[in-house]
Amino acid sequence: LGSFFNKYITSFDHWISFVLLAVIGINMLKEGLSKDSEKTDS
């Protein structure tokens, strides 16, 4: 893709990473705090 998309990707890649990792992290927090021991994200 090269320099054609450089200004577009660098302007929002950090937001995509943050949202995806936060969603996964929040789901793990829910599982860790859940009393249901069988509910894991394996």
PDB file of all heavy atoms in Angstrom:
ATOM      1  N   LEU A   1       0.833  -1.204   0.000  1.00  0.00           N
ATOM      2  CA  LEU A   1       0.000   0.000   0.000  1.00  0.00           C
ATOM      3  C   LEU A   1       0.869   1.255   0.000  1.00  0.00           C
ATOM      4  O   LEU A   1       0.478   2.299  -0.530  1.00  0.00           O
ATOM      5  CB  LEU A   1      -0.940   0.008   1.209  1.00  0.00           C
ATOM      6  CG  LEU A   1      -2.005  -1.072   1.222  1.00  0.00           C
ATOM      7  CD1 LEU A   1      -2.796  -1.013   2.518  1.00  0.00           C
ATOM      8  CD2 LEU A   1      -2.932  -0.944   0.027  1.00  0.00           C
ATOM      9  N   GLY A   2       2.029   1.127   0.663  1.00  0.00           N
ATOM     10  CA  GLY A   2       3.037   2.179   0.643  1.00  0.00           C
ATOM     11  C   GLY A   2       2.576   3.523   1.141  1.00  0.00           C
ATOM     12  O   GLY A   2       1.713   3.632   1.996  1.00  0.00           O
ATOM     13  N   SER A   3       3.156   4.513   0.594  1.00  0.00           N
ATOM     14  CA  SER A   3       2.911   5.870   1.071  1.00  0.00           C
ATOM     15  C   SER A   3       1.507   6.388   0.744  1.00  0.00           C
ATOM     16  O   SER A   3       1.071   7.367   1.325  1.00  0.00           O
ATOM     17  CB  SER A   3       3.951   6.826   0.489  1.00  0.00           C
ATOM     18  OG  SER A   3       3.857   6.853  -0.913  1.00  0.00           O
ATOM     19  N   PHE A   4       0.799   5.707  -0.165  1.00  0.00           N
ATOM     20  CA  PHE A   4      -0.539   6.161  -0.531  1.00  0.00           C
ATOM     21  C   PHE A   4      -1.481   6.227   0.670  1.00  0.00           C
ATOM     22  O   PHE A   4      -2.229   7.180   0.825  1.00  0.00           O
ATOM     23  CB  PHE A   4      -1.129   5.260  -1.614  1.00  0.00           C
ATOM     24  CG  PHE A   4      -2.493   5.681  -2.059  1.00  0.00           C
ATOM     25  CD1 PHE A   4      -2.658   6.797  -2.867  1.00  0.00           C
ATOM     26  CD2 PHE A   4      -3.611   4.980  -1.658  1.00  0.00           C
ATOM     27  CE1 PHE A   4      -3.915   7.196  -3.274  1.00  0.00           C
ATOM     28  CE2 PHE A   4      -4.876   5.372  -2.055  1.00  0.00           C
ATOM     29  CZ  PHE A   4      -5.032   6.476  -2.863  1.00  0.00           C
ATOM     30  N   PHE A   5      -1.414   5.206   1.539  1.00  0.00           N
ATOM     31  CA  PHE A   5      -2.293   5.160   2.700  1.00  0.00           C
ATOM     32  C   PHE A   5      -1.593   5.570   3.995  1.00  0.00           C
ATOM     33  O   PHE A   5      -2.194   5.510   5.065  1.00  0.00           O
ATOM     34  CB  PHE A   5      -2.886   3.763   2.886  1.00  0.00           C
ATOM     35  CG  PHE A   5      -3.993   3.467   1.927  1.00  0.00           C
ATOM     36  CD1 PHE A   5      -3.812   2.534   0.928  1.00  0.00           C
ATOM     37  CD2 PHE A   5      -5.209   4.111   2.022  1.00  0.00           C
ATOM     38  CE1 PHE A   5      -4.835   2.242   0.036  1.00  0.00           C
ATOM     39  CE2 PHE A   5      -6.238   3.837   1.142  1.00  0.00           C
ATOM     40  CZ  PHE A   5      -6.044   2.899   0.143  1.00  0.00           C
ATOM     41  N   ASN A   6      -0.362   5.990   3.933  1.00  0.00           N
ATOM     42  CA  ASN A   6       0.402   6.285   5.141  1.00  0.00           C
ATOM     43  C   ASN A   6      -0.317   7.262   6.068  1.00  0.00           C
ATOM     44  O   ASN A   6      -0.478   6.999   7.254  1.00  0.00           O
ATOM     45  CB  ASN A   6       1.783   6.828   4.767  1.00  0.00           C
ATOM     46  CG  ASN A   6       2.679   6.987   5.961  1.00  0.00           C
ATOM     47  OD1 ASN A   6       2.523   6.305   6.962  1.00  0.00           O
ATOM     48  ND2 ASN A   6       3.627   7.888   5.862  1.00  0.00           N
ATOM     49  N   LYS A   7      -0.766   8.368   5.550  1.00  0.00           N
ATOM     50  CA  LYS A   7      -1.399   9.369   6.418  1.00  0.00           C
ATOM     51  C   LYS A   7      -2.725   8.887   6.992  1.00  0.00           C
ATOM     52  O   LYS A   7      -3.117   9.277   8.076  1.00  0.00           O
ATOM     53  CB  LYS A   7      -1.589  10.678   5.675  1.00  0.00           C
ATOM     54  CG  LYS A   7      -2.495  10.599   4.473  1.00  0.00           C
ATOM     55  CD  LYS A   7      -2.558  11.933   3.753  1.00  0.00           C
ATOM     56  CE  LYS A   7      -3.351  11.776   2.460  1.00  0.00           C
ATOM     57  NZ  LYS A   7      -3.328  12.959   1.659  1.00  0.00           N
ATOM     58  N   TYR A   8      -3.422   7.996   6.290  1.00  0.00           N
ATOM     59  CA  TYR A   8      -4.701   7.487   6.802  1.00  0.00           C
ATOM     60  C   TYR A   8      -4.503   6.440   7.894  1.00  0.00           C
ATOM     61  O   TYR A   8      -5.185   6.475   8.910  1.00  0.00           O
ATOM     62  CB  TYR A   8      -5.525   6.889   5.659  1.00  0.00           C
ATOM     63  CG  TYR A   8      -5.810   7.869   4.561  1.00  0.00           C
ATOM     64  CD1 TYR A   8      -5.259   7.710   3.299  1.00  0.00           C
ATOM     65  CD2 TYR A   8      -6.626   8.973   4.789  1.00  0.00           C
ATOM     66  CE1 TYR A   8      -5.519   8.620   2.279  1.00  0.00           C
ATOM     67  CE2 TYR A   8      -6.888   9.893   3.781  1.00  0.00           C
ATOM     68  CZ  TYR A   8      -6.329   9.706   2.538  1.00  0.00           C
ATOM     69  OH  TYR A   8      -6.580  10.611   1.547  1.00  0.00           O
ATOM     70  N   ILE A   9      -3.599   5.523   7.686  1.00  0.00           N
ATOM     71  CA  ILE A   9      -3.390   4.441   8.647  1.00  0.00           C
ATOM     72  C   ILE A   9      -2.786   4.963   9.941  1.00  0.00           C
ATOM     73  O   ILE A   9      -3.221   4.599  11.026  1.00  0.00           O
ATOM     74  CB  ILE A   9      -2.527   3.328   8.026  1.00  0.00           C
ATOM     75  CG1 ILE A   9      -3.324   2.636   6.920  1.00  0.00           C
ATOM     76  CG2 ILE A   9      -2.100   2.315   9.075  1.00  0.00           C
ATOM     77  CD1 ILE A   9      -2.521   1.698   6.081  1.00  0.00           C
ATOM     78  N   THR A  10      -1.773   5.792   9.839  1.00  0.00           N
ATOM     79  CA  THR A  10      -1.138   6.288  11.059  1.00  0.00           C
ATOM     80  C   THR A  10      -2.060   7.201  11.856  1.00  0.00           C
ATOM     81  O   THR A  10      -1.843   7.408  13.038  1.00  0.00           O
ATOM     82  CB  THR A  10       0.176   7.034  10.752  1.00  0.00           C
ATOM     83  OG1 THR A  10      -0.091   8.091   9.838  1.00  0.00           O
ATOM     84  CG2 THR A  10       1.222   6.105  10.198  1.00  0.00           C
ATOM     85  N   SER A  11      -3.110   7.699  11.239  1.00  0.00           N
ATOM     86  CA  SER A  11      -4.016   8.575  11.980  1.00  0.00           C
ATOM     87  C   SER A  11      -5.027   7.797  12.819  1.00  0.00           C
ATOM     88  O   SER A  11      -5.623   8.364  13.727  1.00  0.00           O
ATOM     89  CB  SER A  11      -4.740   9.523  11.018  1.00  0.00           C
ATOM     90  OG  SER A  11      -5.616   8.802  10.184  1.00  0.00           O
ATOM     91  N   PHE A  12      -5.232   6.496  12.555  1.00  0.00           N
ATOM     92  CA  PHE A  12      -6.219   5.770  13.356  1.00  0.00           C
ATOM     93  C   PHE A  12      -5.792   4.367  13.783  1.00  0.00           C
ATOM     94  O   PHE A  12      -6.551   3.681  14.462  1.00  0.00           O
ATOM     95  CB  PHE A  12      -7.567   5.706  12.635  1.00  0.00           C
ATOM     96  CG  PHE A  12      -7.568   4.899  11.369  1.00  0.00           C
ATOM     97  CD1 PHE A  12      -7.746   3.532  11.404  1.00  0.00           C
ATOM     98  CD2 PHE A  12      -7.411   5.512  10.140  1.00  0.00           C
ATOM     99  CE1 PHE A  12      -7.759   2.784  10.238  1.00  0.00           C
ATOM    100  CE2 PHE A  12      -7.424   4.781   8.968  1.00  0.00           C
ATOM    101  CZ  PHE A  12      -7.600   3.407   9.021  1.00  0.00           C
ATOM    102  N   ASP A  13      -4.593   3.890  13.439  1.00  0.00           N
ATOM    103  CA  ASP A  13      -4.203   2.533  13.822  1.00  0.00           C
ATOM    104  C   ASP A  13      -4.197   2.342  15.330  1.00  0.00           C
ATOM    105  O   ASP A  13      -4.563   1.298  15.844  1.00  0.00           O
ATOM    106  CB  ASP A  13      -2.859   2.140  13.205  1.00  0.00           C
ATOM    107  CG  ASP A  13      -1.678   2.895  13.778  1.00  0.00           C
ATOM    108  OD1 ASP A  13      -1.875   3.997  14.334  1.00  0.00           O
ATOM    109  OD2 ASP A  13      -0.556   2.381  13.656  1.00  0.00           O
ATOM    110  N   HIS A  14      -3.804   3.368  16.052  1.00  0.00           N
ATOM    111  CA  HIS A  14      -3.758   3.288  17.507  1.00  0.00           C
ATOM    112  C   HIS A  14      -5.157   3.156  18.106  1.00  0.00           C
ATOM    113  O   HIS A  14      -5.338   2.490  19.119  1.00  0.00           O
ATOM    114  CB  HIS A  14      -3.023   4.499  18.079  1.00  0.00           C
ATOM    115  CG  HIS A  14      -3.497   5.815  17.548  1.00  0.00           C
ATOM    116  ND1 HIS A  14      -3.169   6.268  16.280  1.00  0.00           N
ATOM    117  CD2 HIS A  14      -4.308   6.751  18.090  1.00  0.00           C
ATOM    118  CE1 HIS A  14      -3.737   7.447  16.081  1.00  0.00           C
ATOM    119  NE2 HIS A  14      -4.434   7.759  17.162  1.00  0.00           N
ATOM    120  N   TRP A  15      -6.155   3.752  17.500  1.00  0.00           N
ATOM    121  CA  TRP A  15      -7.529   3.625  17.991  1.00  0.00           C
ATOM    122  C   TRP A  15      -8.054   2.210  17.780  1.00  0.00           C
ATOM    123  O   TRP A  15      -8.712   1.646  18.661  1.00  0.00           O
ATOM    124  CB  TRP A  15      -8.443   4.640  17.299  1.00  0.00           C
ATOM    125  CG  TRP A  15      -8.211   6.043  17.771  1.00  0.00           C
ATOM    126  CD1 TRP A  15      -7.544   7.034  17.111  1.00  0.00           C
ATOM    127  CD2 TRP A  15      -8.615   6.609  19.028  1.00  0.00           C
ATOM    128  NE1 TRP A  15      -7.514   8.178  17.871  1.00  0.00           N
ATOM    129  CE2 TRP A  15      -8.168   7.939  19.059  1.00  0.00           C
ATOM    130  CE3 TRP A  15      -9.309   6.101  20.122  1.00  0.00           C
ATOM    131  CZ2 TRP A  15      -8.390   8.783  20.141  1.00  0.00           C
ATOM    132  CZ3 TRP A  15      -9.533   6.941  21.202  1.00  0.00           C
ATOM    133  CH2 TRP A  15      -9.079   8.267  21.206  1.00  0.00           C
ATOM    134  N   ILE A  16      -7.768   1.644  16.627  1.00  0.00           N
ATOM    135  CA  ILE A  16      -8.198   0.271  16.356  1.00  0.00           C
ATOM    136  C   ILE A  16      -7.540  -0.684  17.345  1.00  0.00           C
ATOM    137  O   ILE A  16      -8.207  -1.539  17.938  1.00  0.00           O
ATOM    138  CB  ILE A  16      -7.872  -0.134  14.904  1.00  0.00           C
ATOM    139  CG1 ILE A  16      -8.702   0.695  13.924  1.00  0.00           C
ATOM    140  CG2 ILE A  16      -8.124  -1.618  14.677  1.00  0.00           C
ATOM    141  CD1 ILE A  16      -8.303   0.538  12.474  1.00  0.00           C
ATOM    142  N   SER A  17      -6.232  -0.559  17.540  1.00  0.00           N
ATOM    143  CA  SER A  17      -5.523  -1.412  18.495  1.00  0.00           C
ATOM    144  C   SER A  17      -6.103  -1.267  19.889  1.00  0.00           C
ATOM    145  O   SER A  17      -6.352  -2.256  20.583  1.00  0.00           O
ATOM    146  CB  SER A  17      -4.032  -1.058  18.525  1.00  0.00           C
ATOM    147  OG  SER A  17      -3.422  -1.366  17.303  1.00  0.00           O
ATOM    148  N   PHE A  18      -6.325  -0.025  20.306  1.00  0.00           N
ATOM    149  CA  PHE A  18      -6.859   0.228  21.641  1.00  0.00           C
ATOM    150  C   PHE A  18      -8.229  -0.416  21.831  1.00  0.00           C
ATOM    151  O   PHE A  18      -8.472  -1.119  22.811  1.00  0.00           O
ATOM    152  CB  PHE A  18      -6.944   1.740  21.904  1.00  0.00           C
ATOM    153  CG  PHE A  18      -7.667   2.087  23.176  1.00  0.00           C
ATOM    154  CD1 PHE A  18      -7.091   1.830  24.403  1.00  0.00           C
ATOM    155  CD2 PHE A  18      -8.930   2.647  23.135  1.00  0.00           C
ATOM    156  CE1 PHE A  18      -7.759   2.127  25.582  1.00  0.00           C
ATOM    157  CE2 PHE A  18      -9.607   2.953  24.304  1.00  0.00           C
ATOM    158  CZ  PHE A  18      -9.025   2.698  25.528  1.00  0.00           C
ATOM    159  N   VAL A  19      -9.133  -0.208  20.890  1.00  0.00           N
ATOM    160  CA  VAL A  19     -10.498  -0.740  21.020  1.00  0.00           C
ATOM    161  C   VAL A  19     -10.488  -2.270  21.046  1.00  0.00           C
ATOM    162  O   VAL A  19     -11.117  -2.893  21.907  1.00  0.00           O
ATOM    163  CB  VAL A  19     -11.411  -0.199  19.893  1.00  0.00           C
ATOM    164  CG1 VAL A  19     -12.727  -0.947  19.844  1.00  0.00           C
ATOM    165  CG2 VAL A  19     -11.650   1.292  20.076  1.00  0.00           C
ATOM    166  N   LEU A  20      -9.764  -2.891  20.117  1.00  0.00           N
ATOM    167  CA  LEU A  20      -9.749  -4.352  20.072  1.00  0.00           C
ATOM    168  C   LEU A  20      -9.135  -4.945  21.333  1.00  0.00           C
ATOM    169  O   LEU A  20      -9.678  -5.894  21.917  1.00  0.00           O
ATOM    170  CB  LEU A  20      -9.009  -4.840  18.818  1.00  0.00           C
ATOM    171  CG  LEU A  20      -9.705  -4.562  17.488  1.00  0.00           C
ATOM    172  CD1 LEU A  20      -8.804  -4.966  16.329  1.00  0.00           C
ATOM    173  CD2 LEU A  20     -11.038  -5.284  17.404  1.00  0.00           C
ATOM    174  N   LEU A  21      -7.991  -4.417  21.772  1.00  0.00           N
ATOM    175  CA  LEU A  21      -7.361  -4.938  22.985  1.00  0.00           C
ATOM    176  C   LEU A  21      -8.211  -4.653  24.219  1.00  0.00           C
ATOM    177  O   LEU A  21      -8.289  -5.487  25.126  1.00  0.00           O
ATOM    178  CB  LEU A  21      -5.955  -4.369  23.145  1.00  0.00           C
ATOM    179  CG  LEU A  21      -4.930  -4.883  22.131  1.00  0.00           C
ATOM    180  CD1 LEU A  21      -3.628  -4.112  22.247  1.00  0.00           C
ATOM    181  CD2 LEU A  21      -4.688  -6.370  22.301  1.00  0.00           C
ATOM    182  N   ALA A  22      -8.872  -3.507  24.271  1.00  0.00           N
ATOM    183  CA  ALA A  22      -9.736  -3.194  25.411  1.00  0.00           C
ATOM    184  C   ALA A  22     -10.925  -4.149  25.473  1.00  0.00           C
ATOM    185  O   ALA A  22     -11.286  -4.630  26.557  1.00  0.00           O
ATOM    186  CB  ALA A  22     -10.212  -1.748  25.341  1.00  0.00           C
ATOM    187  N   VAL A  23     -11.527  -4.457  24.334  1.00  0.00           N
ATOM    188  CA  VAL A  23     -12.660  -5.386  24.310  1.00  0.00           C
ATOM    189  C   VAL A  23     -12.221  -6.770  24.797  1.00  0.00           C
ATOM    190  O   VAL A  23     -12.892  -7.394  25.626  1.00  0.00           O
ATOM    191  CB  VAL A  23     -13.282  -5.460  22.891  1.00  0.00           C
ATOM    192  CG1 VAL A  23     -14.224  -6.641  22.743  1.00  0.00           C
ATOM    193  CG2 VAL A  23     -14.007  -4.165  22.565  1.00  0.00           C
ATOM    194  N   ILE A  24     -11.107  -7.247  24.294  1.00  0.00           N
ATOM    195  CA  ILE A  24     -10.595  -8.549  24.728  1.00  0.00           C
ATOM    196  C   ILE A  24     -10.271  -8.505  26.219  1.00  0.00           C
ATOM    197  O   ILE A  24     -10.612  -9.424  26.974  1.00  0.00           O
ATOM    198  CB  ILE A  24      -9.358  -8.961  23.901  1.00  0.00           C
ATOM    199  CG1 ILE A  24      -9.748  -9.173  22.442  1.00  0.00           C
ATOM    200  CG2 ILE A  24      -8.732 -10.233  24.462  1.00  0.00           C
ATOM    201  CD1 ILE A  24      -8.570  -9.240  21.490  1.00  0.00           C
ATOM    202  N   GLY A  25      -9.619  -7.438  26.672  1.00  0.00           N
ATOM    203  CA  GLY A  25      -9.266  -7.294  28.080  1.00  0.00           C
ATOM    204  C   GLY A  25     -10.477  -7.229  28.987  1.00  0.00           C
ATOM    205  O   GLY A  25     -10.506  -7.859  30.051  1.00  0.00           O
ATOM    206  N   ILE A  26     -11.494  -6.492  28.581  1.00  0.00           N
ATOM    207  CA  ILE A  26     -12.723  -6.396  29.381  1.00  0.00           C
ATOM    208  C   ILE A  26     -13.401  -7.759  29.481  1.00  0.00           C
ATOM    209  O   ILE A  26     -13.879  -8.153  30.553  1.00  0.00           O
ATOM    210  CB  ILE A  26     -13.665  -5.316  28.806  1.00  0.00           C
ATOM    211  CG1 ILE A  26     -13.075  -3.928  29.064  1.00  0.00           C
ATOM    212  CG2 ILE A  26     -15.065  -5.430  29.397  1.00  0.00           C
ATOM    213  CD1 ILE A  26     -13.753  -2.808  28.300  1.00  0.00           C
ATOM    214  N   ASN A  27     -13.419  -8.500  28.384  1.00  0.00           N
ATOM    215  CA  ASN A  27     -13.985  -9.849  28.427  1.00  0.00           C
ATOM    216  C   ASN A  27     -13.206 -10.744  29.386  1.00  0.00           C
ATOM    217  O   ASN A  27     -13.799 -11.540  30.116  1.00  0.00           O
ATOM    218  CB  ASN A  27     -14.029 -10.470  27.034  1.00  0.00           C
ATOM    219  CG  ASN A  27     -15.130  -9.893  26.182  1.00  0.00           C
ATOM    220  OD1 ASN A  27     -16.121  -9.378  26.694  1.00  0.00           O
ATOM    221  ND2 ASN A  27     -14.962  -9.953  24.879  1.00  0.00           N
ATOM    222  N   MET A  28     -11.897 -10.621  29.399  1.00  0.00           N
ATOM    223  CA  MET A  28     -11.088 -11.416  30.339  1.00  0.00           C
ATOM    224  C   MET A  28     -11.364 -10.989  31.772  1.00  0.00           C
ATOM    225  O   MET A  28     -11.431 -11.832  32.671  1.00  0.00           O
ATOM    226  CB  MET A  28      -9.602 -11.282  30.015  1.00  0.00           C
ATOM    227  CG  MET A  28      -9.191 -12.041  28.786  1.00  0.00           C
ATOM    228  SD  MET A  28      -7.409 -12.113  28.610  1.00  0.00           S
ATOM    229  CE  MET A  28      -7.033 -13.312  29.875  1.00  0.00           C
ATOM    230  N   LEU A  29     -11.514  -9.695  32.010  1.00  0.00           N
ATOM    231  CA  LEU A  29     -11.852  -9.218  33.358  1.00  0.00           C
ATOM    232  C   LEU A  29     -13.189  -9.800  33.811  1.00  0.00           C
ATOM    233  O   LEU A  29     -13.324 -10.252  34.953  1.00  0.00           O
ATOM    234  CB  LEU A  29     -11.919  -7.693  33.393  1.00  0.00           C
ATOM    235  CG  LEU A  29     -10.590  -6.951  33.441  1.00  0.00           C
ATOM    236  CD1 LEU A  29     -10.814  -5.451  33.290  1.00  0.00           C
ATOM    237  CD2 LEU A  29      -9.860  -7.244  34.737  1.00  0.00           C
ATOM    238  N   LYS A  30     -14.182  -9.794  32.929  1.00  0.00           N
ATOM    239  CA  LYS A  30     -15.493 -10.361  33.261  1.00  0.00           C
ATOM    240  C   LYS A  30     -15.362 -11.831  33.634  1.00  0.00           C
ATOM    241  O   LYS A  30     -15.965 -12.296  34.596  1.00  0.00           O
ATOM    242  CB  LYS A  30     -16.461 -10.199  32.087  1.00  0.00           C
ATOM    243  CG  LYS A  30     -16.972  -8.807  31.889  1.00  0.00           C
ATOM    244  CD  LYS A  30     -17.917  -8.764  30.699  1.00  0.00           C
ATOM    245  CE  LYS A  30     -18.363  -7.370  30.381  1.00  0.00           C
ATOM    246  NZ  LYS A  30     -19.201  -7.311  29.171  1.00  0.00           N
ATOM    247  N   GLU A  31     -14.579 -12.571  32.862  1.00  0.00           N
ATOM    248  CA  GLU A  31     -14.385 -13.993  33.130  1.00  0.00           C
ATOM    249  C   GLU A  31     -13.668 -14.209  34.456  1.00  0.00           C
ATOM    250  O   GLU A  31     -14.006 -15.109  35.218  1.00  0.00           O
ATOM    251  CB  GLU A  31     -13.604 -14.649  31.996  1.00  0.00           C
ATOM    252  CG  GLU A  31     -14.388 -14.746  30.713  1.00  0.00           C
ATOM    253  CD  GLU A  31     -13.537 -15.143  29.529  1.00  0.00           C
ATOM    254  OE1 GLU A  31     -12.365 -15.530  29.723  1.00  0.00           O
ATOM    255  OE2 GLU A  31     -14.043 -15.065  28.404  1.00  0.00           O
ATOM    256  N   GLY A  32     -12.666 -13.391  34.729  1.00  0.00           N
ATOM    257  CA  GLY A  32     -11.918 -13.519  35.974  1.00  0.00           C
ATOM    258  C   GLY A  32     -12.743 -13.176  37.204  1.00  0.00           C
ATOM    259  O   GLY A  32     -12.556 -13.760  38.270  1.00  0.00           O
ATOM    260  N   LEU A  33     -13.667 -12.237  37.059  1.00  0.00           N
ATOM    261  CA  LEU A  33     -14.511 -11.819  38.178  1.00  0.00           C
ATOM    262  C   LEU A  33     -15.781 -12.657  38.308  1.00  0.00           C
ATOM    263  O   LEU A  33     -16.465 -12.590  39.318  1.00  0.00           O
ATOM    264  CB  LEU A  33     -14.884 -10.339  38.032  1.00  0.00           C
ATOM    265  CG  LEU A  33     -13.708  -9.363  38.119  1.00  0.00           C
ATOM    266  CD1 LEU A  33     -14.144  -7.962  37.741  1.00  0.00           C
ATOM    267  CD2 LEU A  33     -13.093  -9.395  39.509  1.00  0.00           C
ATOM    268  N   SER A  34     -16.078 -13.438  37.290  1.00  0.00           N
ATOM    269  CA  SER A  34     -17.281 -14.266  37.287  1.00  0.00           C
ATOM    270  C   SER A  34     -17.150 -15.396  38.302  1.00  0.00           C
ATOM    271  O   SER A  34     -16.091 -15.988  38.491  1.00  0.00           O
ATOM    272  CB  SER A  34     -17.501 -14.852  35.894  1.00  0.00           C
ATOM    273  OG  SER A  34     -18.542 -15.795  35.913  1.00  0.00           O
ATOM    274  N   LYS A  35     -18.263 -15.706  38.949  1.00  0.00           N
ATOM    275  CA  LYS A  35     -18.301 -16.830  39.900  1.00  0.00           C
ATOM    276  C   LYS A  35     -18.449 -18.156  39.168  1.00  0.00           C
ATOM    277  O   LYS A  35     -18.256 -19.200  39.741  1.00  0.00           O
ATOM    278  CB  LYS A  35     -19.466 -16.650  40.890  1.00  0.00           C
ATOM    279  CG  LYS A  35     -19.400 -15.374  41.686  1.00  0.00           C
ATOM    280  CD  LYS A  35     -18.213 -15.370  42.600  1.00  0.00           C
ATOM    281  CE  LYS A  35     -18.197 -14.079  43.401  1.00  0.00           C
ATOM    282  NZ  LYS A  35     -16.940 -13.817  44.011  1.00  0.00           N
ATOM    283  N   ASP A  36     -18.806 -18.114  37.906  1.00  0.00           N
ATOM    284  CA  ASP A  36     -18.988 -19.312  37.101  1.00  0.00           C
ATOM    285  C   ASP A  36     -17.625 -19.830  36.659  1.00  0.00           C
ATOM    286  O   ASP A  36     -17.006 -19.284  35.755  1.00  0.00           O
ATOM    287  CB  ASP A  36     -19.869 -19.000  35.889  1.00  0.00           C
ATOM    288  CG  ASP A  36     -20.244 -20.238  35.098  1.00  0.00           C
ATOM    289  OD1 ASP A  36     -19.931 -21.354  35.548  1.00  0.00           O
ATOM    290  OD2 ASP A  36     -20.852 -20.076  34.020  1.00  0.00           O
ATOM    291  N   SER A  37     -17.145 -20.886  37.279  1.00  0.00           N
ATOM    292  CA  SER A  37     -15.793 -21.371  37.014  1.00  0.00           C
ATOM    293  C   SER A  37     -15.647 -22.060  35.663  1.00  0.00           C
ATOM    294  O   SER A  37     -14.553 -22.247  35.176  1.00  0.00           O
ATOM    295  CB  SER A  37     -15.347 -22.332  38.121  1.00  0.00           C
ATOM    296  OG  SER A  37     -16.198 -23.457  38.151  1.00  0.00           O
ATOM    297  N   GLU A  38     -16.744 -22.471  35.050  1.00  0.00           N
ATOM    298  CA  GLU A  38     -16.661 -23.150  33.765  1.00  0.00           C
ATOM    299  C   GLU A  38     -16.589 -22.185  32.595  1.00  0.00           C
ATOM    300  O   GLU A  38     -16.347 -22.589  31.469  1.00  0.00           O
ATOM    301  CB  GLU A  38     -17.864 -24.076  33.590  1.00  0.00           C
ATOM    302  CG  GLU A  38     -17.852 -25.245  34.547  1.00  0.00           C
ATOM    303  CD  GLU A  38     -19.024 -26.156  34.311  1.00  0.00           C
ATOM    304  OE1 GLU A  38     -19.404 -26.342  33.138  1.00  0.00           O
ATOM    305  OE2 GLU A  38     -19.552 -26.680  35.275  1.00  0.00           O
ATOM    306  N   LYS A  39     -16.825 -20.924  32.833  1.00  0.00           N
ATOM    307  CA  LYS A  39     -16.885 -19.946  31.754  1.00  0.00           C
ATOM    308  C   LYS A  39     -15.510 -19.320  31.534  1.00  0.00           C
ATOM    309  O   LYS A  39     -15.139 -18.356  32.180  1.00  0.00           O
ATOM    310  CB  LYS A  39     -17.915 -18.873  32.092  1.00  0.00           C
ATOM    311  CG  LYS A  39     -18.316 -18.031  30.925  1.00  0.00           C
ATOM    312  CD  LYS A  39     -19.431 -17.096  31.311  1.00  0.00           C
ATOM    313  CE  LYS A  39     -19.921 -16.340  30.105  1.00  0.00           C
ATOM    314  NZ  LYS A  39     -20.903 -15.334  30.469  1.00  0.00           N
ATOM    315  N   THR A  40     -14.732 -19.899  30.618  1.00  0.00           N
ATOM    316  CA  THR A  40     -13.422 -19.357  30.282  1.00  0.00           C
ATOM    317  C   THR A  40     -13.318 -19.201  28.772  1.00  0.00           C
ATOM    318  O   THR A  40     -14.014 -19.868  28.020  1.00  0.00           O
ATOM    319  CB  THR A  40     -12.280 -20.278  30.772  1.00  0.00           C
ATOM    320  OG1 THR A  40     -12.422 -21.553  30.151  1.00  0.00           O
ATOM    321  CG2 THR A  40     -12.306 -20.432  32.285  1.00  0.00           C
ATOM    322  N   ASP A  41     -12.426 -18.339  28.356  1.00  0.00           N
ATOM    323  CA  ASP A  41     -12.245 -18.113  26.927  1.00  0.00           C
ATOM    324  C   ASP A  41     -11.083 -18.950  26.428  1.00  0.00           C
ATOM    325  O   ASP A  41     -10.008 -18.448  26.143  1.00  0.00           O
ATOM    326  CB  ASP A  41     -12.007 -16.623  26.652  1.00  0.00           C
ATOM    327  CG  ASP A  41     -11.941 -16.330  25.161  1.00  0.00           C
ATOM    328  OD1 ASP A  41     -12.395 -17.167  24.367  1.00  0.00           O
ATOM    329  OD2 ASP A  41     -11.426 -15.265  24.807  1.00  0.00           O
ATOM    330  N   SER A  42     -11.321 -20.244  26.355  1.00  0.00           N
ATOM    331  CA  SER A  42     -10.274 -21.129  25.856  1.00  0.00           C
ATOM    332  C   SER A  42     -10.483 -21.433  24.378  1.00  0.00           C
ATOM    333  O   SER A  42      -9.855 -22.316  23.831  1.00  0.00           O
ATOM    334  CB  SER A  42     -10.254 -22.426  26.669  1.00  0.00           C
ATOM    335  OG  SER A  42     -11.507 -23.067  26.576  1.00  0.00           O
TER     336      SER A  42
END
